[in-house]
C-alpha atoms as a PDB file:
ATOM      1  CA  MET A   1      12.895  -6.872 -18.865  1.00  0.00           C
ATOM      2  CA  ALA A   2       9.544  -6.214 -17.046  1.00  0.00           C
ATOM      3  CA  THR A   3       9.729  -4.246 -13.779  1.00  0.00           C
ATOM      4  CA  SER A   4       8.502  -6.489 -10.857  1.00  0.00           C
ATOM      5  CA  LEU A   5       5.576  -5.846  -8.540  1.00  0.00           C
ATOM      6  CA  TYR A   6       8.023  -5.900  -5.804  1.00  0.00           C
ATOM      7  CA  ASP A   7      10.038  -3.060  -7.496  1.00  0.00           C
ATOM      8  CA  LEU A   8       7.105  -1.006  -8.159  1.00  0.00           C
ATOM      9  CA  SER A   9       5.647  -1.079  -4.656  1.00  0.00           C
ATOM     10  CA  ILE A  10       7.999  -2.214  -1.994  1.00  0.00           C
ATOM     11  CA  ALA A  11      11.138  -0.705  -3.156  1.00  0.00           C
ATOM     12  CA  THR A  12       9.377   2.680  -4.334  1.00  0.00           C
ATOM     13  CA  TYR A  13       7.506   2.676  -0.741  1.00  0.00           C
ATOM     14  CA  LEU A  14      10.862   2.212   1.088  1.00  0.00           C
ATOM     15  CA  GLN A  15      12.680   4.855  -0.857  1.00  0.00           C
ATOM     16  CA  GLY A  16       9.744   7.385   0.174  1.00  0.00           C
ATOM     17  CA  LEU A  17       9.618   6.075   3.748  1.00  0.00           C
ATOM     18  CA  ALA A  18      13.395   6.683   4.078  1.00  0.00           C
ATOM     19  CA  ALA A  19      12.704  10.083   2.557  1.00  0.00           C
ATOM     20  CA  VAL A  20       9.990  11.158   4.972  1.00  0.00           C
ATOM     21  CA  ALA A  21      11.813   9.705   7.924  1.00  0.00           C
ATOM     22  CA  GLY A  22      14.624  12.219   6.853  1.00  0.00           C
ATOM     23  CA  PHE A  23      12.530  15.245   6.437  1.00  0.00           C
ATOM     24  CA  LEU A  24      10.685  14.403   9.593  1.00  0.00           C
ATOM     25  CA  GLU A  25      13.858  14.434  11.470  1.00  0.00           C
ATOM     26  CA  LYS A  26      15.088  17.634   9.517  1.00  0.00           C
ATOM     27  CA  GLY A  27      11.599  19.362  10.812  1.00  0.00           C
ATOM     28  CA  ARG A  28      12.515  18.137  14.446  1.00  0.00           C
ATOM     29  CA  ALA A  29      16.106  19.575  14.371  1.00  0.00           C
ATOM     30  CA  TYR A  30      14.741  22.774  12.844  1.00  0.00           C
ATOM     31  CA  CYS A  31      11.988  23.329  15.749  1.00  0.00           C
ATOM     32  CA  ALA A  32      14.911  22.657  18.329  1.00  0.00           C
ATOM     33  CA  GLU A  33      17.127  25.111  16.517  1.00  0.00           C
ATOM     34  CA  GLN A  34      14.334  27.680  16.626  1.00  0.00           C
ATOM     35  CA  GLY A  35      13.316  26.846  20.151  1.00  0.00           C
ATOM     36  CA  SER A  36       9.785  25.797  18.963  1.00  0.00           C
ATOM     37  CA  GLU A  37       8.007  22.851  19.877  1.00  0.00           C
ATOM     38  CA  PRO A  38       7.635  20.324  16.886  1.00  0.00           C
ATOM     39  CA  ASP A  39       4.291  19.063  18.528  1.00  0.00           C
ATOM     40  CA  ALA A  40       2.836  22.206  17.471  1.00  0.00           C
ATOM     41  CA  LEU A  41       3.070  21.154  13.794  1.00  0.00           C
ATOM     42  CA  VAL A  42       0.950  17.996  14.577  1.00  0.00           C
ATOM     43  CA  GLU A  43      -2.393  19.474  13.873  1.00  0.00           C
ATOM     44  CA  THR A  44      -1.037  21.837  11.289  1.00  0.00           C
ATOM     45  CA  CYS A  45      -2.935  22.044   8.127  1.00  0.00           C
ATOM     46  CA  LEU A  46      -1.725  23.025   4.717  1.00  0.00           C
ATOM     47  CA  HIS A  47      -5.066  24.492   3.807  1.00  0.00           C
ATOM     48  CA  ALA A  48      -8.367  25.079   6.006  1.00  0.00           C
ATOM     49  CA  ASP A  49     -10.063  22.242   4.113  1.00  0.00           C
ATOM     50  CA  MET A  50      -7.321  19.807   4.440  1.00  0.00           C
ATOM     51  CA  LEU A  51      -6.587  17.329   7.204  1.00  0.00           C
ATOM     52  CA  PRO A  52      -3.446  17.941   9.541  1.00  0.00           C
ATOM     53  CA  PHE A  53      -0.064  16.958   9.449  1.00  0.00           C
ATOM     54  CA  ARG A  54      -0.494  13.922  11.755  1.00  0.00           C
ATOM     55  CA  PHE A  55      -3.112  12.520   9.027  1.00  0.00           C
ATOM     56  CA  GLN A  56      -0.730  13.227   6.174  1.00  0.00           C
ATOM     57  CA  VAL A  57       2.009  11.137   8.034  1.00  0.00           C
ATOM     58  CA  VAL A  58      -0.638   8.255   9.263  1.00  0.00           C
ATOM     59  CA  SER A  59      -1.798   8.095   5.449  1.00  0.00           C
ATOM     60  CA  VAL A  60       1.961   7.614   4.189  1.00  0.00           C
ATOM     61  CA  ARG A  61       1.991   4.514   6.455  1.00  0.00           C
ATOM     62  CA  GLN A  62      -1.549   3.299   5.220  1.00  0.00           C
ATOM     63  CA  HIS A  63      -0.586   3.746   1.838  1.00  0.00           C
ATOM     64  CA  SER A  64       2.732   1.858   2.035  1.00  0.00           C
ATOM     65  CA  LEU A  65       2.298  -0.855   4.667  1.00  0.00           C
ATOM     66  CA  GLY A  66      -1.334  -1.009   4.270  1.00  0.00           C
ATOM     67  CA  ALA A  67      -1.102  -1.494   0.663  1.00  0.00           C
ATOM     68  CA  ALA A  68       1.738  -4.024   0.904  1.00  0.00           C
ATOM     69  CA  ARG A  69      -0.510  -6.065   3.329  1.00  0.00           C
ATOM     70  CA  ALA A  70      -3.314  -5.542   0.574  1.00  0.00           C
ATOM     71  CA  ILE A  71      -1.120  -7.066  -2.237  1.00  0.00           C
ATOM     72  CA  GLU A  72      -1.255 -10.249   0.100  1.00  0.00           C
ATOM     73  CA  SER A  73      -4.684 -10.042   1.770  1.00  0.00           C
ATOM     74  CA  GLY A  74      -6.623  -8.570  -1.142  1.00  0.00           C
ATOM     75  CA  GLU A  75      -8.339  -5.952   1.082  1.00  0.00           C
ATOM     76  CA  PHE A  76      -7.475  -2.241   1.758  1.00  0.00           C
ATOM     77  CA  ARG A  77      -9.415   0.109   3.885  1.00  0.00           C
ATOM     78  CA  PRO A  78      -8.512   3.825   4.271  1.00  0.00           C
ATOM     79  CA  PRO A  79      -6.700   5.207   7.369  1.00  0.00           C
ATOM     80  CA  SER A  80      -8.489   6.278  10.482  1.00  0.00           C
ATOM     81  CA  ALA A  81      -8.428  10.215  11.221  1.00  0.00           C
ATOM     82  CA  GLN A  82      -8.329   9.543  14.577  1.00  0.00           C
ATOM     83  CA  PRO A  83      -5.417  11.405  16.737  1.00  0.00           C
ATOM     84  CA  LEU A  84      -2.259   9.247  17.278  1.00  0.00           C
ATOM     85  CA  GLU A  85      -0.398   9.274  20.528  1.00  0.00           C
ATOM     86  CA  GLY A  86       2.987  10.703  21.198  1.00  0.00           C
ATOM     87  CA  GLY A  87       2.820  13.719  19.121  1.00  0.00           C
ATOM     88  CA  TYR A  88       5.826  14.678  16.446  1.00  0.00           C
ATOM     89  CA  ALA A  89       7.878  11.999  18.046  1.00  0.00           C
ATOM     90  CA  GLY A  90       5.150   9.528  17.909  1.00  0.00           C
ATOM     91  CA  LEU A  91       4.912  10.334  14.109  1.00  0.00           C
ATOM     92  CA  GLN A  92       8.603   9.837  13.557  1.00  0.00           C
ATOM     93  CA  ALA A  93       8.355   6.372  15.426  1.00  0.00           C
ATOM     94  CA  LEU A  94       5.496   5.455  13.153  1.00  0.00           C
ATOM     95  CA  ILE A  95       7.470   5.999  10.197  1.00  0.00           C
ATOM     96  CA  ASN A  96      10.464   4.012  11.417  1.00  0.00           C
ATOM     97  CA  GLU A  97       8.294   1.243  12.365  1.00  0.00           C
ATOM     98  CA  THR A  98       6.717   1.290   9.049  1.00  0.00           C
ATOM     99  CA  ARG A  99      10.142   0.976   7.400  1.00  0.00           C
ATOM    100  CA  THR A 100      11.152  -1.922   9.715  1.00  0.00           C
ATOM    101  CA  GLU A 101       7.902  -3.559   8.765  1.00  0.00           C
ATOM    102  CA  MET A 102       8.136  -3.100   5.021  1.00  0.00           C
ATOM    103  CA  GLU A 103      11.533  -4.480   4.875  1.00  0.00           C
ATOM    104  CA  ALA A 104      10.201  -8.123   5.884  1.00  0.00           C
ATOM    105  CA  PHE A 105       8.369  -8.182   2.592  1.00  0.00           C
ATOM    106  CA  THR A 106      10.263 -10.306   0.002  1.00  0.00           C
ATOM    107  CA  ALA A 107      10.453  -9.863  -3.730  1.00  0.00           C
ATOM    108  CA  ASP A 108       9.172 -13.445  -4.072  1.00  0.00           C
ATOM    109  CA  ALA A 109       6.300 -13.182  -1.801  1.00  0.00           C
ATOM    110  CA  ILE A 110       5.085 -10.002  -3.346  1.00  0.00           C
ATOM    111  CA  ASP A 111       5.548 -10.817  -7.004  1.00  0.00           C
ATOM    112  CA  ALA A 112       3.743 -14.060  -6.407  1.00  0.00           C
ATOM    113  CA  HIS A 113       0.316 -11.966  -6.174  1.00  0.00           C
ATOM    114  CA  ALA A 114       0.920 -10.289  -9.615  1.00  0.00           C
ATOM    115  CA  GLY A 115      -2.823 -10.085 -11.360  1.00  0.00           C
ATOM    116  CA  ARG A 116      -4.537 -10.619  -7.970  1.00  0.00           C
ATOM    117  CA  LEU A 117      -7.707  -8.846  -7.095  1.00  0.00           C
ATOM    118  CA  VAL A 118      -7.470  -5.897  -4.409  1.00  0.00           C
ATOM    119  CA  THR A 119     -10.748  -4.708  -3.136  1.00  0.00           C
ATOM    120  CA  PHE A 120     -10.683  -1.065  -1.475  1.00  0.00           C
ATOM    121  CA  HIS A 121     -13.540  -0.841   0.836  1.00  0.00           C
ATOM    122  CA  LEU A 122     -14.775   2.676   1.307  1.00  0.00           C
ATOM    123  CA  GLY A 123     -17.807   2.673   3.664  1.00  0.00           C
ATOM    124  CA  ASP A 124     -20.434   0.476   1.923  1.00  0.00           C
ATOM    125  CA  LYS A 125     -18.574   0.628  -1.368  1.00  0.00           C
ATOM    126  CA  GLN A 126     -16.276  -1.927  -2.755  1.00  0.00           C
ATOM    127  CA  ILE A 127     -13.817  -0.944  -5.320  1.00  0.00           C
ATOM    128  CA  PRO A 128     -12.250  -3.859  -7.355  1.00  0.00           C
ATOM    129  CA  PHE A 129      -8.510  -3.388  -8.539  1.00  0.00           C
ATOM    130  CA  THR A 130      -5.917  -5.716  -9.974  1.00  0.00           C
ATOM    131  CA  VAL A 131      -3.077  -5.559  -7.766  1.00  0.00           C
ATOM    132  CA  GLU A 132      -1.064  -3.602 -10.321  1.00  0.00           C
ATOM    133  CA  ASN A 133      -3.749  -1.160 -10.792  1.00  0.00           C
ATOM    134  CA  PHE A 134      -4.285  -0.555  -7.196  1.00  0.00           C
ATOM    135  CA  ILE A 135      -0.397   0.089  -6.818  1.00  0.00           C
ATOM    136  CA  LEU A 136      -0.019   2.200  -9.794  1.00  0.00           C
ATOM    137  CA  SER A 137      -3.496   4.292  -9.999  1.00  0.00           C
ATOM    138  CA  PHE A 138      -4.467   4.780  -6.198  1.00  0.00           C
ATOM    139  CA  SER A 139      -1.789   3.557  -3.835  1.00  0.00           C
ATOM    140  CA  LEU A 140       1.326   5.215  -5.086  1.00  0.00           C
ATOM    141  CA  PRO A 141      -0.473   8.474  -6.173  1.00  0.00           C
ATOM    142  CA  ASN A 142      -1.825   8.735  -2.540  1.00  0.00           C
ATOM    143  CA  PHE A 143       1.297   7.800  -0.834  1.00  0.00           C
ATOM    144  CA  PHE A 144       3.179  10.745  -2.726  1.00  0.00           C
ATOM    145  CA  PHE A 145       0.286  13.204  -1.970  1.00  0.00           C
ATOM    146  CA  HIS A 146       0.438  12.583   1.419  1.00  0.00           C
ATOM    147  CA  ALA A 147       4.181  12.446   1.722  1.00  0.00           C
ATOM    148  CA  THR A 148       4.295  15.750  -0.292  1.00  0.00           C
ATOM    149  CA  THR A 149       1.667  17.406   1.823  1.00  0.00           C
ATOM    150  CA  ALA A 150       3.731  16.325   5.013  1.00  0.00           C
ATOM    151  CA  TYR A 151       6.862  17.837   3.312  1.00  0.00           C
ATOM    152  CA  ASP A 152       4.789  21.077   2.393  1.00  0.00           C
ATOM    153  CA  ILE A 153       3.648  21.770   5.666  1.00  0.00           C
ATOM    154  CA  LEU A 154       7.157  21.676   7.029  1.00  0.00           C
ATOM    155  CA  ARG A 155       8.314  23.881   4.304  1.00  0.00           C
ATOM    156  CA  GLN A 156       5.478  26.155   4.982  1.00  0.00           C
ATOM    157  CA  HIS A 157       6.806  26.478   8.653  1.00  0.00           C
ATOM    158  CA  GLY A 158      10.461  27.118   7.535  1.00  0.00           C
ATOM    159  CA  ALA A 159      12.016  23.909   7.902  1.00  0.00           C
ATOM    160  CA  PRO A 160      15.114  23.685   5.566  1.00  0.00           C
ATOM    161  CA  VAL A 161      14.036  20.724   3.306  1.00  0.00           C
ATOM    162  CA  GLY A 162      14.561  20.686  -0.333  1.00  0.00           C
ATOM    163  CA  LYS A 163      14.022  18.222  -3.155  1.00  0.00           C
ATOM    164  CA  ARG A 164      16.846  15.992  -2.365  1.00  0.00           C
ATOM    165  CA  ASP A 165      15.115  15.310   0.951  1.00  0.00           C
ATOM    166  CA  TYR A 166      11.877  14.487  -0.675  1.00  0.00           C
ATOM    167  CA  LEU A 167      13.410  12.200  -3.087  1.00  0.00           C
ATOM    168  CA  GLY A 168      15.374  10.168  -0.851  1.00  0.00           C
ATOM    169  CA  ARG A 169      18.076   7.910  -1.937  1.00  0.00           C
ATOM    170  CA  MET A 170      17.529   7.114  -5.576  1.00  0.00           C
ATOM    171  CA  ARG A 171      18.010   3.421  -6.675  1.00  0.00           C
ATOM    172  CA  ILE A 172      20.628   3.931  -9.375  1.00  0.00           C
ATOM    173  CA  GLY A 173      23.216   1.832 -10.883  1.00  0.00           C
ATOM    174  CA  ALA A 174      24.339  -0.137 -14.247  1.00  0.00           C
ATOM    175  CA  PRO A 175      21.818  -2.846 -15.458  1.00  0.00           C
ATOM    176  CA  ALA A 176      22.932  -6.409 -14.936  1.00  0.00           C
ATOM    177  CA  ALA A 177      24.962  -7.818 -17.736  1.00  0.00           C
END
């Protein structure tokens, strides 16, 4: 049995987004316990040559919701590096909004775009992908890179998040008979 485009993309993004929402909440709770301000983490970088925590979270949105929209539209652009209003709570709201919007995509609608072209616009460059190659070789790796980097920044600052927090709720169960 083949795996559907929806399962490869939307279902995987939803699992990851739930995990990100969970570890963001654990990070907020940790800051509250420590008497520190979670907004202090927003501009924190894992390394000096990397973009800050807020960009990592915004990129999680772009490489999930932006990718889902690209499946339908055939166009994808990278996220903006501009600051986001609302600090840490704004980032949490962004991920929660993203989850809600992602839940609106249906398997039939996404699967109907299998084999379609998606063009990645990077400045003046246009990079063509099939939908499947866009998801598997570009969007999912980026999604997980940015989710991991956000997770790592929280870990670096002492938040008690672990592997289970990162994985989120796995899609387990017996195959249909």
